[in-house]
Protein backbone atom coordinates (compact mmCIF):
# COMPACT_ATOMS: atom_id res chain seq x y z
CA UNK A 1 113.44 38.19 134.32
CA UNK A 2 113.91 41.49 132.46
CA UNK A 3 111.77 44.37 133.63
CA UNK A 4 110.00 46.34 130.93
CA UNK A 5 110.78 50.05 131.06
CA UNK A 6 108.01 52.28 132.27
CA UNK A 7 106.24 54.17 129.51
CA UNK A 8 107.34 57.76 129.06
CA UNK A 9 105.04 60.26 130.72
CA UNK A 10 103.30 62.58 128.31
CA UNK A 11 101.33 65.42 129.86
CA UNK A 12 97.83 65.94 128.58
CA UNK A 13 96.75 69.06 126.77
CA UNK A 14 94.61 70.25 129.69
CA UNK A 15 97.55 69.78 132.08
CA UNK A 16 99.75 71.94 129.87
CA UNK A 17 97.03 74.57 129.61
CA UNK A 18 96.68 74.67 133.41
CA UNK A 19 100.45 75.04 133.80
CA UNK A 20 100.57 77.92 131.31
CA UNK A 21 97.72 79.65 133.14
CA UNK A 22 99.56 79.27 136.44
CA UNK A 23 102.73 80.76 134.94
CA UNK A 24 100.73 83.71 133.57
CA UNK A 25 99.30 84.37 137.04
CA UNK A 26 102.78 84.25 138.53
CA UNK A 27 104.10 86.93 136.14
CA UNK A 28 105.21 89.97 138.14
CA UNK A 29 102.78 92.87 138.15
CA UNK A 30 105.54 95.28 137.15
CA UNK A 31 105.78 93.67 133.72
CA UNK A 32 102.65 95.00 131.99
CA UNK A 33 101.71 93.73 128.55
CA UNK A 34 100.75 96.07 125.72
CA UNK A 35 98.17 94.44 123.48
CA UNK A 36 97.87 95.54 119.83
CA UNK A 37 94.09 95.58 120.03
CA UNK A 38 93.82 93.24 117.03
CA UNK A 39 92.54 89.85 118.16
CA UNK A 40 94.06 87.97 115.23
CA UNK A 41 97.46 89.36 116.27
CA UNK A 42 97.21 89.31 120.06
CA UNK A 43 95.88 85.75 120.18
CA UNK A 44 99.00 84.50 118.39
CA UNK A 45 101.38 86.19 120.81
CA UNK A 46 102.53 84.09 123.75
CA UNK A 47 101.77 86.91 126.21
CA UNK A 48 98.81 88.30 124.21
CA UNK A 49 100.85 91.46 123.66
CA UNK A 50 104.31 92.97 124.01
CA UNK A 51 106.12 92.64 127.33
CA UNK A 52 106.41 96.11 128.85
CA UNK A 53 109.80 95.28 130.37
CA UNK A 54 111.45 93.43 127.51
CA UNK A 55 113.49 93.77 124.32
CA UNK A 56 111.66 93.69 121.00
CA UNK A 57 113.49 93.82 117.66
CA UNK A 58 112.31 94.87 114.23
CA UNK A 59 113.74 95.24 110.76
CA UNK A 60 112.56 96.18 107.29
CA UNK A 61 111.79 93.36 104.88
CA UNK A 62 114.16 94.93 102.35
CA UNK A 63 116.63 97.83 102.28
CA UNK A 64 114.22 99.95 100.22
CA UNK A 65 113.05 103.31 101.55
CA UNK A 66 109.42 102.17 101.62
CA UNK A 67 110.07 99.17 103.84
CA UNK A 68 112.46 101.19 106.00
CA UNK A 69 109.74 103.79 106.57
CA UNK A 70 107.19 101.06 107.34
CA UNK A 71 109.43 99.49 110.00
CA UNK A 72 110.15 102.92 111.51
CA UNK A 73 106.46 103.79 111.73
CA UNK A 74 105.70 100.35 113.17
CA UNK A 75 108.12 101.10 116.01
CA UNK A 76 106.76 104.63 116.38
CA UNK A 77 103.20 103.36 116.72
CA UNK A 78 104.19 100.93 119.47
CA UNK A 79 106.15 103.63 121.29
CA UNK A 80 103.25 106.07 121.00
CA UNK A 81 100.91 103.63 122.70
CA UNK A 82 103.40 102.92 125.47
CA UNK A 83 103.75 106.69 125.95
CA UNK A 84 100.00 107.18 126.06
CA UNK A 85 99.56 104.50 128.68
CA UNK A 86 102.41 105.62 130.93
CA UNK A 87 102.20 109.37 130.40
CA UNK A 88 105.95 109.70 129.84
CA UNK A 89 108.34 110.61 127.02
CA UNK A 90 110.17 108.40 124.51
CA UNK A 91 113.96 108.13 124.33
CA UNK A 92 115.07 107.65 120.69
CA UNK A 93 118.76 107.18 119.96
CA UNK A 94 120.55 106.55 116.65
CA UNK A 95 123.85 107.19 114.91
CA UNK A 96 122.19 109.02 112.01
CA UNK A 97 118.87 110.83 112.12
CA UNK A 98 116.63 110.60 109.08
CA UNK A 99 113.30 110.78 110.88
CA UNK A 100 110.35 112.70 109.45
CA UNK A 101 108.43 114.34 112.29
CA UNK A 102 105.06 114.70 110.46
CA UNK A 103 105.18 111.01 109.59
CA UNK A 104 105.82 110.06 113.22
CA UNK A 105 102.93 112.27 114.32
CA UNK A 106 100.61 110.54 111.86
CA UNK A 107 101.49 107.30 113.67
CA UNK A 108 100.56 108.79 117.02
CA UNK A 109 104.01 109.84 118.22
CA UNK A 110 104.18 113.60 118.75
CA UNK A 111 107.64 115.17 118.28
CA UNK A 112 107.35 116.98 121.63
CA UNK A 113 107.19 113.60 123.39
CA UNK A 114 110.53 112.39 121.99
CA UNK A 115 113.97 112.96 123.48
CA UNK A 116 116.57 112.44 120.74
CA UNK A 117 120.15 111.37 121.34
CA UNK A 118 122.79 110.79 118.67
CA UNK A 119 125.85 108.57 118.97
CA UNK A 120 128.77 108.34 116.57
CA UNK A 121 128.85 104.52 116.64
CA UNK A 122 126.52 101.64 117.36
CA UNK A 123 128.19 100.80 120.66
CA UNK A 124 127.58 104.36 121.88
CA UNK A 125 123.93 104.15 120.80
CA UNK A 126 123.53 100.86 122.67
CA UNK A 127 125.19 102.29 125.79
CA UNK A 128 122.86 105.31 125.82
CA UNK A 129 119.85 103.04 125.36
CA UNK A 130 120.97 100.88 128.27
CA UNK A 131 121.41 103.91 130.55
CA UNK A 132 117.96 105.22 129.58
CA UNK A 133 116.40 101.84 130.37
CA UNK A 134 118.00 101.58 133.79
CA UNK A 135 116.86 105.12 134.60
CA UNK A 136 113.27 103.88 134.34
CA UNK A 137 111.68 107.28 133.73
CA UNK A 138 110.87 106.80 130.02
CA UNK A 139 107.77 105.16 128.59
CA UNK A 140 109.82 103.40 125.90
CA UNK A 141 113.35 103.39 124.47
CA UNK A 142 114.10 103.05 120.74
CA UNK A 143 117.61 102.36 119.46
CA UNK A 144 118.62 102.20 115.79
CA UNK A 145 121.77 100.21 115.00
CA UNK A 146 123.32 98.23 112.18
CA UNK A 147 125.06 95.70 114.42
CA UNK A 148 124.35 94.32 117.89
CA UNK A 149 125.70 90.96 119.03
CA UNK A 150 123.99 88.60 121.46
CA UNK A 151 125.88 90.05 124.42
CA UNK A 152 124.57 93.54 123.62
CA UNK A 153 121.00 92.31 123.28
CA UNK A 154 121.28 90.40 126.56
CA UNK A 155 122.40 93.59 128.31
CA UNK A 156 119.44 95.48 126.82
CA UNK A 157 117.04 92.77 127.97
CA UNK A 158 118.43 92.87 131.50
CA UNK A 159 118.32 96.67 131.58
CA UNK A 160 114.72 96.65 130.33
CA UNK A 161 113.76 94.22 133.07
CA UNK A 162 115.58 96.23 135.76
CA UNK A 163 114.00 99.53 134.68
CA UNK A 164 110.61 98.01 133.84
CA UNK A 165 110.82 99.80 130.48
CA UNK A 166 110.34 98.35 126.98
CA UNK A 167 113.08 98.76 124.39
CA UNK A 168 112.59 98.58 120.62
CA UNK A 169 115.80 97.74 118.76
CA UNK A 170 115.53 98.71 115.10
CA UNK A 171 118.17 96.83 113.10
CA UNK A 172 119.11 98.65 109.92
CA UNK A 173 120.22 96.75 106.81
CA UNK A 174 123.98 96.38 106.37
CA UNK A 175 124.01 94.05 103.33
CA UNK A 176 121.51 93.74 100.52
CA UNK A 177 121.51 89.93 100.62
CA UNK A 178 121.20 89.41 104.38
CA UNK A 179 118.30 90.00 106.75
CA UNK A 180 119.33 91.97 109.86
CA UNK A 181 117.42 89.46 111.99
CA UNK A 182 119.62 86.53 110.96
CA UNK A 183 122.03 87.08 113.87
CA UNK A 184 121.54 85.65 117.37
CA UNK A 185 119.62 87.75 119.86
CA UNK A 186 118.07 87.66 123.33
CA UNK A 187 115.00 89.59 122.18
CA UNK A 188 111.56 88.44 123.31
CA UNK A 189 110.04 89.14 119.89
CA UNK A 190 111.56 89.81 116.46
CA UNK A 191 109.50 91.50 113.74
CA UNK A 192 110.00 92.05 110.02
CA UNK A 193 107.89 94.74 108.33
CA UNK A 194 107.31 95.30 104.62
CA UNK A 195 104.91 97.24 102.41
CA UNK A 196 102.04 95.72 100.43
CA UNK A 197 99.61 97.40 98.01
CA UNK A 198 97.17 99.72 99.75
CA UNK A 199 93.42 99.31 99.65
CA UNK A 200 91.74 100.24 96.32
CA UNK A 201 89.63 103.38 96.43
CA UNK A 202 86.51 104.22 94.40
CA UNK A 203 88.17 107.49 93.40
CA UNK A 204 91.75 108.54 92.44
CA UNK A 205 94.04 108.64 95.45
CA UNK A 206 96.10 106.58 97.84
CA UNK A 207 94.38 104.44 100.45
CA UNK A 208 95.59 103.61 103.94
CA UNK A 209 98.99 101.95 103.76
CA UNK A 210 99.23 98.22 104.33
CA UNK A 211 102.09 96.23 105.77
CA UNK A 212 103.08 92.60 105.83
CA UNK A 213 103.86 92.11 109.53
CA UNK A 214 105.96 89.01 110.17
CA UNK A 215 106.79 87.78 113.65
CA UNK A 216 110.03 85.94 112.89
CA UNK A 217 110.56 84.68 116.44
CA UNK A 218 108.95 84.92 119.87
CA UNK A 219 109.62 83.30 123.20
CA UNK A 220 107.24 80.46 124.02
CA UNK A 221 105.35 80.92 120.77
CA UNK A 222 105.32 80.26 117.05
CA UNK A 223 106.18 82.63 114.19
CA UNK A 224 103.41 83.97 111.96
CA UNK A 225 102.64 86.69 109.44
CA UNK A 226 99.62 88.95 108.90
CA UNK A 227 98.69 91.63 106.42
CA UNK A 228 97.61 94.68 108.40
CA UNK A 229 96.73 98.29 107.79
CA UNK A 230 99.37 100.78 108.94
CA UNK A 231 99.24 102.68 112.23
CA UNK A 232 96.63 105.38 112.55
CA UNK A 233 97.09 108.64 114.48
CA UNK A 234 96.79 106.72 117.76
CA UNK A 235 99.45 104.17 116.85
CA UNK A 236 96.97 101.33 116.30
CA UNK A 237 97.07 98.73 113.54
CA UNK A 238 93.95 97.29 111.93
CA UNK A 239 92.85 94.33 109.86
CA UNK A 240 92.10 95.12 106.21
CA UNK A 241 88.45 95.20 105.23
CA UNK A 242 88.58 91.90 103.39
CA UNK A 243 85.01 91.71 102.11
CA UNK A 244 84.98 94.83 99.87
CA UNK A 245 88.44 94.02 98.51
CA UNK A 246 87.39 90.46 97.73
CA UNK A 247 84.35 91.73 95.86
CA UNK A 248 86.47 94.12 93.81
CA UNK A 249 88.99 91.41 93.02
CA UNK A 250 86.21 89.00 92.03
CA UNK A 251 84.62 91.59 89.76
CA UNK A 252 87.90 92.31 88.02
CA UNK A 253 88.57 88.62 87.52
CA UNK A 254 85.13 88.15 85.96
CA UNK A 255 85.70 91.06 83.60
CA UNK A 256 89.08 89.71 82.52
CA UNK A 257 87.60 86.25 82.01
CA UNK A 258 84.82 87.69 79.84
């Protein structure tokens, strides 16, 4: 007589939730998480923030100067908040420096808190970033490159874990028709940042910048995108004030319809 196979076991939702909670409690204390302070953003992150001993990548949505500046300031804001929490300096390495110090300061990162290092090639930049991570004395490490294979990103992730220091890898555009985040990587999160129209003002002028923040990939979580206001002078993002904007948009639509 044939024996019917046993039904496949499917864990219940509450069992999975209990397991996730147990894993969160088992996370080492030396891996602090930096929350963005925006509930709509933090709640969608698997760790409710950025791992303080991990690799996080970012890139501009397009090779334009506006999106490049937005991605740079996004990284600067994160680094500024890591620096403020740890009371240490930032190590920023790149092969070509085109940073604008007043812009970084407006995102909360003071020039006096940054140690710059320049390398002739990407592999030198990556090597300096790895050494800075293993040293463990910096609040955050930022490396700007055009190319980094999966082996290089794995080394950065291991060095970040060993030194209990976060690393932000900013991938610059190499080709107009290819996103820098299309290659394989061992990063814990991968972000794509682009500019959107700023908030309308009741008087002539430019409102607070707005970005389209896309989380392309994260470990143990789903991708998502949010429209957020750019970093303030403490490095913090914010949700746009939707109600006034919606009222303005509705009023304009009514006028056009009339």
